[in-house]
Amino acid sequence: MHKIFATSFASIYPLYVAKVERKGRTGADVDTVVRWLTGYDEKGLRSAIDRGVDLKTFFDEAPGLNARASLITGVICGVRVEEIDDPMMQKLRYMDKLVDEVARGKKMESILR
């Protein structure tokens, strides 16, 4: 297992929010894309943050990966997300890609495919 999965979601979440806020978007936009991807509702997402679960647990406890997640394509951290073999790493990179698209100012309708 990659060491990134031991990192708490609560420590990464504010970095996502800061990234999009620097570009004029909001934390609510981050919540929207994370909830779309993972199936968490607002209460579940807040609970995961408050409990400080690691990324592996965050994805393991997620109600369900969005069926349209496989439509997420492109490069993040120099790697094409659609070509990542490790399912857990691919979920993480899907999330990174969605947040990146929010920060780049893409319309929410196109981000949520």
C-alpha atoms as a PDB file:
ATOM      1  CA  MET A   1       0.000   0.000   0.000  1.00  0.00           C
ATOM      2  CA  HIS A   2       1.299   3.437  -0.924  1.00  0.00           C
ATOM      3  CA  LYS A   3       2.115   5.668   2.048  1.00  0.00           C
ATOM      4  CA  ILE A   4      -0.198   8.442   0.776  1.00  0.00           C
ATOM      5  CA  PHE A   5      -3.185   6.306   1.796  1.00  0.00           C
ATOM      6  CA  ALA A   6      -2.191   6.658   5.456  1.00  0.00           C
ATOM      7  CA  THR A   7      -2.563  10.448   5.166  1.00  0.00           C
ATOM      8  CA  SER A   8      -5.739  11.775   6.742  1.00  0.00           C
ATOM      9  CA  PHE A   9      -8.413  13.130   4.448  1.00  0.00           C
ATOM     10  CA  ALA A  10      -8.823  15.983   6.955  1.00  0.00           C
ATOM     11  CA  SER A  11      -5.251  17.110   6.247  1.00  0.00           C
ATOM     12  CA  ILE A  12      -5.746  17.107   2.464  1.00  0.00           C
ATOM     13  CA  TYR A  13      -9.222  18.644   2.403  1.00  0.00           C
ATOM     14  CA  PRO A  14      -8.126  22.177   3.453  1.00  0.00           C
ATOM     15  CA  LEU A  15      -5.411  22.063   0.784  1.00  0.00           C
ATOM     16  CA  TYR A  16      -8.084  21.348  -1.830  1.00  0.00           C
ATOM     17  CA  VAL A  17     -10.206  24.214  -0.505  1.00  0.00           C
ATOM     18  CA  ALA A  18      -7.256  26.631  -0.458  1.00  0.00           C
ATOM     19  CA  LYS A  19      -6.339  25.674  -4.020  1.00  0.00           C
ATOM     20  CA  VAL A  20      -9.791  26.430  -5.406  1.00  0.00           C
ATOM     21  CA  GLU A  21     -10.265  29.568  -3.282  1.00  0.00           C
ATOM     22  CA  ARG A  22      -7.036  31.024  -4.714  1.00  0.00           C
ATOM     23  CA  LYS A  23      -8.729  30.704  -8.097  1.00  0.00           C
ATOM     24  CA  GLY A  24     -12.012  32.304  -7.008  1.00  0.00           C
ATOM     25  CA  ARG A  25     -14.026  29.151  -6.311  1.00  0.00           C
ATOM     26  CA  THR A  26     -15.401  27.954  -2.953  1.00  0.00           C
ATOM     27  CA  GLY A  27     -15.112  25.127  -0.473  1.00  0.00           C
ATOM     28  CA  ALA A  28     -18.685  24.245  -1.417  1.00  0.00           C
ATOM     29  CA  ASP A  29     -17.417  23.494  -4.932  1.00  0.00           C
ATOM     30  CA  VAL A  30     -14.876  21.066  -3.460  1.00  0.00           C
ATOM     31  CA  ASP A  31     -17.629  19.425  -1.422  1.00  0.00           C
ATOM     32  CA  THR A  32     -19.783  19.081  -4.539  1.00  0.00           C
ATOM     33  CA  VAL A  33     -17.140  17.254  -6.572  1.00  0.00           C
ATOM     34  CA  VAL A  34     -15.945  15.061  -3.676  1.00  0.00           C
ATOM     35  CA  ARG A  35     -19.523  14.070  -2.851  1.00  0.00           C
ATOM     36  CA  TRP A  36     -20.272  13.409  -6.547  1.00  0.00           C
ATOM     37  CA  LEU A  37     -17.251  11.109  -6.795  1.00  0.00           C
ATOM     38  CA  THR A  38     -17.633   9.224  -3.514  1.00  0.00           C
ATOM     39  CA  GLY A  39     -21.362   9.180  -2.835  1.00  0.00           C
ATOM     40  CA  TYR A  40     -20.943  10.784   0.585  1.00  0.00           C
ATOM     41  CA  ASP A  41     -23.706  13.131   1.677  1.00  0.00           C
ATOM     42  CA  GLU A  42     -22.811  16.352   3.509  1.00  0.00           C
ATOM     43  CA  LYS A  43     -23.115  14.692   6.933  1.00  0.00           C
ATOM     44  CA  GLY A  44     -20.947  11.732   5.901  1.00  0.00           C
ATOM     45  CA  LEU A  45     -18.281  13.986   4.412  1.00  0.00           C
ATOM     46  CA  ARG A  46     -18.158  16.134   7.568  1.00  0.00           C
ATOM     47  CA  SER A  47     -17.963  12.985   9.704  1.00  0.00           C
ATOM     48  CA  ALA A  48     -14.990  11.663   7.714  1.00  0.00           C
ATOM     49  CA  ILE A  49     -13.217  14.997   8.161  1.00  0.00           C
ATOM     50  CA  ASP A  50     -14.045  15.259  11.873  1.00  0.00           C
ATOM     51  CA  ARG A  51     -12.939  11.672  12.573  1.00  0.00           C
ATOM     52  CA  GLY A  52      -9.649  12.241  10.753  1.00  0.00           C
ATOM     53  CA  VAL A  53      -9.908   9.052   8.712  1.00  0.00           C
ATOM     54  CA  ASP A  54      -7.019   8.205   6.421  1.00  0.00           C
ATOM     55  CA  LEU A  55      -7.498   8.239   2.657  1.00  0.00           C
ATOM     56  CA  LYS A  56      -7.808   4.455   2.435  1.00  0.00           C
ATOM     57  CA  THR A  57     -10.595   4.472   5.024  1.00  0.00           C
ATOM     58  CA  PHE A  58     -12.196   7.499   3.363  1.00  0.00           C
ATOM     59  CA  PHE A  59     -12.549   5.598   0.094  1.00  0.00           C
ATOM     60  CA  ASP A  60     -13.316   2.245   1.737  1.00  0.00           C
ATOM     61  CA  GLU A  61     -16.191   3.799   3.689  1.00  0.00           C
ATOM     62  CA  ALA A  62     -17.479   5.844   0.752  1.00  0.00           C
ATOM     63  CA  PRO A  63     -21.057   4.896  -0.141  1.00  0.00           C
ATOM     64  CA  GLY A  64     -19.978   4.200  -3.700  1.00  0.00           C
ATOM     65  CA  LEU A  65     -17.796   5.529  -6.472  1.00  0.00           C
ATOM     66  CA  ASN A  66     -19.861   7.393  -9.040  1.00  0.00           C
ATOM     67  CA  ALA A  67     -20.610   5.140 -12.015  1.00  0.00           C
ATOM     68  CA  ARG A  68     -19.439   7.936 -14.308  1.00  0.00           C
ATOM     69  CA  ALA A  69     -16.022   8.271 -12.636  1.00  0.00           C
ATOM     70  CA  SER A  70     -14.442   6.299 -15.473  1.00  0.00           C
ATOM     71  CA  LEU A  71     -15.235   9.289 -17.712  1.00  0.00           C
ATOM     72  CA  ILE A  72     -12.618  11.304 -15.795  1.00  0.00           C
ATOM     73  CA  THR A  73      -9.585  11.500 -18.029  1.00  0.00           C
ATOM     74  CA  GLY A  74      -6.466  13.578 -18.267  1.00  0.00           C
ATOM     75  CA  VAL A  75      -3.129  14.027 -16.578  1.00  0.00           C
ATOM     76  CA  ILE A  76      -2.559  14.629 -12.894  1.00  0.00           C
ATOM     77  CA  CYS A  77       0.917  14.516 -11.350  1.00  0.00           C
ATOM     78  CA  GLY A  78       2.277  13.579 -14.775  1.00  0.00           C
ATOM     79  CA  VAL A  79       0.179  10.412 -15.065  1.00  0.00           C
ATOM     80  CA  ARG A  80      -2.962   9.780 -17.111  1.00  0.00           C
ATOM     81  CA  VAL A  81      -5.679   8.975 -14.568  1.00  0.00           C
ATOM     82  CA  GLU A  82      -7.381   6.506 -16.889  1.00  0.00           C
ATOM     83  CA  GLU A  83      -4.182   4.418 -17.072  1.00  0.00           C
ATOM     84  CA  ILE A  84      -3.573   3.999 -13.318  1.00  0.00           C
ATOM     85  CA  ASP A  85      -3.618   0.293 -12.397  1.00  0.00           C
ATOM     86  CA  ASP A  86      -4.058   0.552  -8.617  1.00  0.00           C
ATOM     87  CA  PRO A  87      -7.806   1.097  -7.997  1.00  0.00           C
ATOM     88  CA  MET A  88      -7.231   3.010  -4.752  1.00  0.00           C
ATOM     89  CA  MET A  89      -4.643   5.308  -6.351  1.00  0.00           C
ATOM     90  CA  GLN A  90      -6.974   5.849  -9.291  1.00  0.00           C
ATOM     91  CA  LYS A  91      -9.787   6.975  -6.950  1.00  0.00           C
ATOM     92  CA  LEU A  92      -7.421   9.418  -5.263  1.00  0.00           C
ATOM     93  CA  ARG A  93      -6.241  10.784  -8.599  1.00  0.00           C
ATOM     94  CA  TYR A  94      -9.841  11.080  -9.799  1.00  0.00           C
ATOM     95  CA  MET A  95     -10.482  13.285  -6.772  1.00  0.00           C
ATOM     96  CA  ASP A  96      -7.318  15.299  -7.446  1.00  0.00           C
ATOM     97  CA  LYS A  97      -8.359  15.756 -11.079  1.00  0.00           C
ATOM     98  CA  LEU A  98     -11.858  16.959 -10.167  1.00  0.00           C
ATOM     99  CA  VAL A  99     -10.473  19.502  -7.698  1.00  0.00           C
ATOM    100  CA  ASP A 100      -7.949  20.617 -10.312  1.00  0.00           C
ATOM    101  CA  GLU A 101     -10.766  21.162 -12.818  1.00  0.00           C
ATOM    102  CA  VAL A 102     -12.666  23.256 -10.245  1.00  0.00           C
ATOM    103  CA  ALA A 103      -9.538  25.350  -9.652  1.00  0.00           C
ATOM    104  CA  ARG A 104      -9.084  25.846 -13.398  1.00  0.00           C
ATOM    105  CA  GLY A 105     -12.545  27.359 -13.596  1.00  0.00           C
ATOM    106  CA  LYS A 106     -14.334  24.626 -15.512  1.00  0.00           C
ATOM    107  CA  LYS A 107     -18.104  24.735 -15.333  1.00  0.00           C
ATOM    108  CA  MET A 108     -19.562  22.382 -12.738  1.00  0.00           C
ATOM    109  CA  GLU A 109     -21.803  20.748 -15.359  1.00  0.00           C
ATOM    110  CA  SER A 110     -18.777  19.586 -17.352  1.00  0.00           C
ATOM    111  CA  ILE A 111     -16.760  18.608 -14.257  1.00  0.00           C
ATOM    112  CA  LEU A 112     -19.563  16.331 -13.053  1.00  0.00           C
ATOM    113  CA  ARG A 113     -19.762  14.700 -16.485  1.00  0.00           C
END
